[in-house]
Amino acid sequence: MDSGTAATRTSNGSTLELPAPTAWPFVLAFGMTLVFAGLVTNESVSVLGAVLAVAGAVGWFRSVLPHEARESVPVMPEQSAVATTRRDVARLEVADQPQRAWLPLEIYPVSAGVRGGLAGSVVMAGLAMLYGVISQNGIWYPINLLVAGFFPGAVHATTVQIAQFRLSALLIAIPIHLITSLLVGLLYGVMLPMFPRRPIVLGGLIAPMMWSGLLYTTLDIINPVMNQRIDWLWFVLSQVGFGVVAGLVVSRQQRVRTYQGLPFAVRAGIEAPGVMRERDKD
């Protein structure tokens, strides 16, 4: 080391010169603390702090100017041999861990969720109209119940009035049903790769039960008329039918690989020699 560094070795090599320790920086910091503490307590505290701060600054400057104070520290040479009791290097066999298969390395495209949502919407609509026929309320009864919240007069309407055909109700029910089905289908496309072993159990049982339970607690606020007249058994069956069909359609689509296995530089498009293929200079 040269003379300008923080530590220099003497000519004989048995000692090492280091900057001498000093407590003046702490005195200066404590004095400045008392100066500001006196602003909210008492003037005498600030006066004492100013005295300590000046003393600390003067003492600190004198320890480094005009020459830095140094002290010699004896050097105790010691040679340590690197040794280990393990003869082999332990390696983590990532490929042998079955948990790796749970990561969604492959996902379904957006088109898979759209197809699954459309197919499930057809099945759900068919089951809803089948309920209207079996209950002898008519096929328009479940459709009008879906949009009953948009018509204030539906609160006091009778079953016969709700079962009547209304073009306005049909025009509102179709986009609501399609948009909801497409959103749930896209959700299935995202969730099913996380459960690759039994996708139909998730899509046909777990997700419909969770969705039905959520609607059971909030339907009184969303659609009070539907909450008073809904048949929950048929509603759950319709959700299960939607989930099974949507899950089957989505799970049979071709998956696309994600970029998780590629380096970050490749995914971000950063020039990284040795990682990315060199671009054509022409």
Protein backbone atom coordinates (compact mmCIF):
# COMPACT_ATOMS: atom_id res chain seq x y z
CA MET A 1 0.00 0.00 0.00
CA ASP A 2 1.17 3.57 -0.65
CA SER A 3 1.37 6.35 1.95
CA GLY A 4 -1.95 7.87 0.81
CA THR A 5 -4.05 4.86 1.80
CA ALA A 6 -5.78 4.35 5.13
CA ALA A 7 -3.32 1.70 6.19
CA THR A 8 0.39 1.40 5.41
CA ARG A 9 2.83 -1.35 6.23
CA THR A 10 6.21 -0.48 7.75
CA SER A 11 9.51 -1.52 6.23
CA ASN A 12 10.06 -4.42 8.58
CA GLY A 13 6.59 -5.83 7.92
CA SER A 14 5.82 -6.54 11.62
CA THR A 15 3.48 -3.57 12.21
CA LEU A 16 0.72 -1.84 10.35
CA GLU A 17 0.01 1.86 10.61
CA LEU A 18 -3.70 2.74 10.86
CA PRO A 19 -5.59 5.99 11.54
CA ALA A 20 -5.70 6.62 15.28
CA PRO A 21 -9.14 6.15 16.87
CA THR A 22 -10.89 9.27 18.16
CA ALA A 23 -14.14 10.02 19.99
CA TRP A 24 -14.44 13.64 18.79
CA PRO A 25 -17.02 12.84 16.06
CA PHE A 26 -19.33 11.43 18.72
CA VAL A 27 -18.86 14.56 20.85
CA LEU A 28 -19.74 16.74 17.86
CA ALA A 29 -22.85 14.66 17.06
CA PHE A 30 -23.99 14.72 20.70
CA GLY A 31 -23.50 18.47 20.88
CA MET A 32 -25.57 19.09 17.75
CA THR A 33 -28.31 16.88 19.19
CA LEU A 34 -28.40 18.98 22.37
CA VAL A 35 -28.54 22.18 20.31
CA PHE A 36 -31.76 21.12 18.59
CA ALA A 37 -33.16 19.51 21.75
CA GLY A 38 -32.84 22.85 23.53
CA LEU A 39 -35.18 24.46 20.99
CA VAL A 40 -38.10 22.54 22.52
CA THR A 41 -36.85 22.26 26.11
CA ASN A 42 -34.56 24.94 27.58
CA GLU A 43 -31.99 27.43 26.28
CA SER A 44 -29.31 26.12 28.62
CA VAL A 45 -29.46 22.75 26.85
CA SER A 46 -28.71 24.45 23.53
CA VAL A 47 -25.82 26.41 25.08
CA LEU A 48 -24.29 23.21 26.46
CA GLY A 49 -24.76 21.52 23.10
CA ALA A 50 -23.06 24.39 21.27
CA VAL A 51 -20.05 24.17 23.59
CA LEU A 52 -19.77 20.40 23.04
CA ALA A 53 -20.20 20.82 19.29
CA VAL A 54 -17.41 23.41 19.06
CA ALA A 55 -15.14 21.28 21.25
CA GLY A 56 -15.84 18.20 19.16
CA ALA A 57 -15.19 20.03 15.86
CA VAL A 58 -11.90 21.51 17.13
CA GLY A 59 -10.73 18.17 18.53
CA TRP A 60 -11.66 16.35 15.33
CA PHE A 61 -9.83 18.85 13.11
CA ARG A 62 -6.70 18.74 15.27
CA SER A 63 -6.56 14.95 14.95
CA VAL A 64 -6.39 15.13 11.14
CA LEU A 65 -4.76 18.52 10.45
CA PRO A 66 -2.06 19.37 9.57
CA HIS A 67 -1.12 15.66 9.71
CA GLU A 68 -3.32 12.67 10.29
CA ALA A 69 -2.80 10.95 13.63
CA ARG A 70 -1.75 7.36 13.21
CA GLU A 71 -0.87 4.40 15.40
CA SER A 72 1.09 1.25 14.78
CA VAL A 73 -0.70 -2.06 15.11
CA PRO A 74 1.34 -5.25 15.37
CA VAL A 75 0.77 -7.77 12.61
CA MET A 76 0.47 -11.41 13.64
CA PRO A 77 1.05 -13.53 10.51
CA GLU A 78 -0.95 -16.70 10.49
CA GLN A 79 -1.25 -19.24 7.76
CA SER A 80 -4.58 -21.04 7.73
CA ALA A 81 -4.97 -24.16 5.68
CA VAL A 82 -8.26 -24.70 3.91
CA ALA A 83 -9.61 -28.09 4.87
CA THR A 84 -12.95 -29.84 4.70
CA THR A 85 -14.31 -33.11 5.99
CA ARG A 86 -16.50 -33.60 2.92
CA ARG A 87 -14.87 -35.33 0.00
CA ASP A 88 -17.70 -34.72 -2.49
CA VAL A 89 -19.60 -31.58 -3.36
CA ALA A 90 -23.29 -31.80 -2.48
CA ARG A 91 -25.47 -30.86 -5.45
CA LEU A 92 -29.13 -29.94 -5.52
CA GLU A 93 -30.93 -32.24 -7.90
CA VAL A 94 -33.62 -29.87 -9.12
CA ALA A 95 -34.71 -32.16 -11.92
CA ASP A 96 -35.63 -34.93 -9.46
CA GLN A 97 -38.00 -32.74 -7.45
CA PRO A 98 -41.64 -33.38 -8.43
CA GLN A 99 -42.64 -29.92 -7.13
CA ARG A 100 -41.09 -28.42 -10.25
CA ALA A 101 -44.01 -29.75 -12.27
CA TRP A 102 -46.44 -27.54 -10.34
CA LEU A 103 -44.98 -24.37 -11.82
CA PRO A 104 -47.00 -23.07 -14.82
CA LEU A 105 -44.22 -23.45 -17.37
CA GLU A 106 -46.88 -23.72 -20.06
CA ILE A 107 -50.06 -21.68 -20.28
CA TYR A 108 -53.15 -21.65 -22.44
CA PRO A 109 -53.57 -18.89 -25.02
CA VAL A 110 -56.34 -16.30 -24.69
CA SER A 111 -58.28 -18.05 -27.44
CA ALA A 112 -58.60 -21.15 -25.23
CA GLY A 113 -60.32 -19.15 -22.51
CA VAL A 114 -62.64 -17.52 -25.05
CA ARG A 115 -63.65 -20.88 -26.51
CA GLY A 116 -64.17 -22.39 -23.09
CA GLY A 117 -66.27 -19.43 -21.96
CA LEU A 118 -68.48 -19.55 -25.07
CA ALA A 119 -69.00 -23.31 -24.79
CA GLY A 120 -69.81 -23.04 -21.10
CA SER A 121 -72.24 -20.18 -21.72
CA VAL A 122 -74.24 -22.34 -24.14
CA VAL A 123 -74.48 -25.17 -21.60
CA MET A 124 -75.44 -22.82 -18.78
CA ALA A 125 -78.13 -21.15 -20.87
CA GLY A 126 -79.50 -24.55 -21.87
CA LEU A 127 -79.70 -25.72 -18.26
CA ALA A 128 -81.37 -22.47 -17.22
CA MET A 129 -84.05 -22.81 -19.90
CA LEU A 130 -84.49 -26.49 -18.96
CA TYR A 131 -85.20 -25.34 -15.42
CA GLY A 132 -87.83 -22.93 -16.77
CA VAL A 133 -89.54 -25.79 -18.62
CA ILE A 134 -89.42 -28.24 -15.68
CA SER A 135 -90.64 -25.62 -13.21
CA GLN A 136 -93.46 -24.73 -15.66
CA ASN A 137 -92.50 -21.06 -15.52
CA GLY A 138 -91.36 -20.87 -19.13
CA ILE A 139 -87.97 -20.50 -20.77
CA TRP A 140 -88.06 -16.71 -20.41
CA TYR A 141 -88.36 -16.88 -16.63
CA PRO A 142 -84.61 -17.43 -15.85
CA ILE A 143 -83.64 -14.87 -18.50
CA ASN A 144 -85.86 -12.20 -16.97
CA LEU A 145 -84.61 -13.05 -13.48
CA LEU A 146 -81.03 -12.43 -14.64
CA VAL A 147 -81.81 -8.81 -15.53
CA ALA A 148 -84.57 -8.17 -13.00
CA GLY A 149 -82.37 -5.69 -11.18
CA PHE A 150 -82.47 -3.35 -14.19
CA PHE A 151 -86.26 -2.95 -13.95
CA PRO A 152 -87.58 -1.25 -10.76
CA GLY A 153 -91.08 -2.62 -11.26
CA ALA A 154 -89.84 -6.22 -11.09
CA VAL A 155 -89.77 -6.12 -7.28
CA HIS A 156 -93.57 -6.34 -7.10
CA ALA A 157 -94.02 -8.43 -10.26
CA THR A 158 -95.68 -11.83 -10.09
CA THR A 159 -94.23 -15.06 -11.43
CA VAL A 160 -96.50 -14.88 -14.48
CA GLN A 161 -95.35 -11.34 -15.27
CA ILE A 162 -91.66 -12.30 -14.96
CA ALA A 163 -92.18 -15.34 -17.20
CA GLN A 164 -93.47 -13.19 -20.08
CA PHE A 165 -91.23 -12.48 -23.06
CA ARG A 166 -89.53 -9.06 -23.03
CA LEU A 167 -87.29 -8.00 -25.86
CA SER A 168 -85.53 -5.39 -23.69
CA ALA A 169 -84.74 -8.01 -21.04
CA LEU A 170 -83.36 -10.39 -23.70
CA LEU A 171 -81.13 -7.67 -25.19
CA ILE A 172 -79.70 -6.92 -21.73
CA ALA A 173 -79.34 -10.56 -20.65
CA ILE A 174 -77.35 -11.69 -23.72
CA PRO A 175 -74.34 -9.34 -23.26
CA ILE A 176 -74.34 -9.85 -19.48
CA HIS A 177 -74.28 -13.62 -19.90
CA LEU A 178 -71.63 -13.57 -22.64
CA ILE A 179 -69.29 -11.10 -20.91
CA THR A 180 -69.48 -12.98 -17.61
CA SER A 181 -68.88 -16.32 -19.33
CA LEU A 182 -65.89 -14.97 -21.29
CA LEU A 183 -64.30 -13.53 -18.14
CA VAL A 184 -64.71 -16.81 -16.26
CA GLY A 185 -63.39 -18.70 -19.28
CA LEU A 186 -60.27 -16.52 -19.33
CA LEU A 187 -59.89 -17.15 -15.60
CA TYR A 188 -60.01 -20.88 -16.25
CA GLY A 189 -57.32 -20.49 -18.88
CA VAL A 190 -55.06 -18.89 -16.29
CA MET A 191 -55.85 -21.23 -13.38
CA LEU A 192 -55.94 -24.65 -15.04
CA PRO A 193 -52.17 -24.83 -15.81
CA MET A 194 -51.53 -24.44 -12.07
CA PHE A 195 -53.44 -27.69 -11.45
CA PRO A 196 -52.27 -29.93 -14.30
CA ARG A 197 -53.20 -33.23 -12.69
CA ARG A 198 -56.96 -32.77 -12.19
CA PRO A 199 -58.10 -29.71 -14.13
CA ILE A 200 -61.75 -30.80 -14.27
CA VAL A 201 -61.93 -31.04 -10.48
CA LEU A 202 -60.98 -27.38 -10.29
CA GLY A 203 -63.06 -26.22 -13.25
CA GLY A 204 -66.11 -28.39 -12.64
CA LEU A 205 -66.41 -28.55 -8.84
CA ILE A 206 -64.14 -26.27 -6.82
CA ALA A 207 -64.52 -23.08 -8.87
CA PRO A 208 -68.34 -23.37 -9.31
CA MET A 209 -68.82 -24.00 -5.59
CA MET A 210 -66.69 -20.99 -4.67
CA TRP A 211 -68.46 -18.81 -7.24
CA SER A 212 -71.90 -19.94 -6.03
CA GLY A 213 -70.97 -19.28 -2.41
CA LEU A 214 -69.77 -15.78 -3.30
CA LEU A 215 -73.03 -15.00 -5.14
CA TYR A 216 -75.09 -16.46 -2.30
CA THR A 217 -73.67 -13.84 0.08
CA THR A 218 -73.86 -10.87 -2.31
CA LEU A 219 -76.87 -11.55 -4.56
CA ASP A 220 -79.23 -9.71 -2.23
CA ILE A 221 -77.31 -6.52 -3.03
CA ILE A 222 -76.69 -7.18 -6.73
CA ASN A 223 -80.15 -8.44 -7.71
CA PRO A 224 -82.74 -8.59 -4.87
CA VAL A 225 -85.50 -9.92 -7.13
CA MET A 226 -83.35 -12.80 -8.31
CA ASN A 227 -82.25 -13.48 -4.73
CA GLN A 228 -85.92 -13.91 -3.67
CA ARG A 229 -86.91 -16.22 -6.51
CA ILE A 230 -83.75 -18.13 -7.42
CA ASP A 231 -83.61 -21.92 -7.14
CA TRP A 232 -80.11 -22.49 -5.75
CA LEU A 233 -80.03 -26.18 -6.62
CA TRP A 234 -80.50 -25.45 -10.32
CA PHE A 235 -78.18 -22.48 -10.10
CA VAL A 236 -75.36 -24.65 -8.72
CA LEU A 237 -76.06 -27.32 -11.36
CA SER A 238 -75.82 -24.68 -14.07
CA GLN A 239 -72.51 -23.47 -12.66
CA VAL A 240 -71.16 -27.01 -12.50
CA GLY A 241 -72.27 -27.63 -16.09
CA PHE A 242 -70.52 -24.46 -17.19
CA GLY A 243 -67.36 -25.39 -15.28
CA VAL A 244 -67.14 -28.94 -16.63
CA VAL A 245 -67.64 -27.91 -20.25
CA ALA A 246 -65.39 -24.85 -20.03
CA GLY A 247 -62.71 -26.87 -18.25
CA LEU A 248 -62.82 -29.63 -20.86
CA VAL A 249 -62.61 -27.18 -23.76
CA VAL A 250 -59.76 -25.20 -22.23
CA SER A 251 -57.76 -28.25 -21.11
CA ARG A 252 -57.87 -29.74 -24.63
CA GLN A 253 -56.35 -26.68 -26.26
CA GLN A 254 -52.69 -26.52 -27.23
CA ARG A 255 -50.50 -24.93 -24.57
CA VAL A 256 -47.80 -22.36 -25.24
CA ARG A 257 -44.53 -22.28 -23.35
CA THR A 258 -43.65 -19.34 -21.14
CA TYR A 259 -40.29 -17.57 -21.00
CA GLN A 260 -39.48 -18.54 -17.41
CA GLY A 261 -36.58 -20.74 -18.47
CA LEU A 262 -34.87 -17.98 -20.46
CA PRO A 263 -32.43 -15.48 -18.94
CA PHE A 264 -33.77 -12.07 -17.99
CA ALA A 265 -31.65 -10.41 -20.66
CA VAL A 266 -33.33 -12.47 -23.37
CA ARG A 267 -36.83 -11.78 -22.04
CA ALA A 268 -36.12 -8.05 -21.74
CA GLY A 269 -34.49 -7.82 -25.17
CA ILE A 270 -31.20 -6.49 -23.77
CA GLU A 271 -28.00 -6.88 -25.75
CA ALA A 272 -26.11 -9.60 -23.87
CA PRO A 273 -23.15 -11.12 -25.74
CA GLY A 274 -22.86 -14.80 -25.09
CA VAL A 275 -26.53 -15.07 -24.06
CA MET A 276 -28.44 -13.71 -27.01
CA ARG A 277 -27.82 -14.58 -30.61
CA GLU A 278 -25.89 -11.79 -32.29
CA ARG A 279 -28.04 -9.70 -34.60
CA ASP A 280 -27.24 -9.30 -38.22
CA LYS A 281 -25.01 -6.26 -38.56
CA ASP A 282 -26.33 -5.60 -42.04
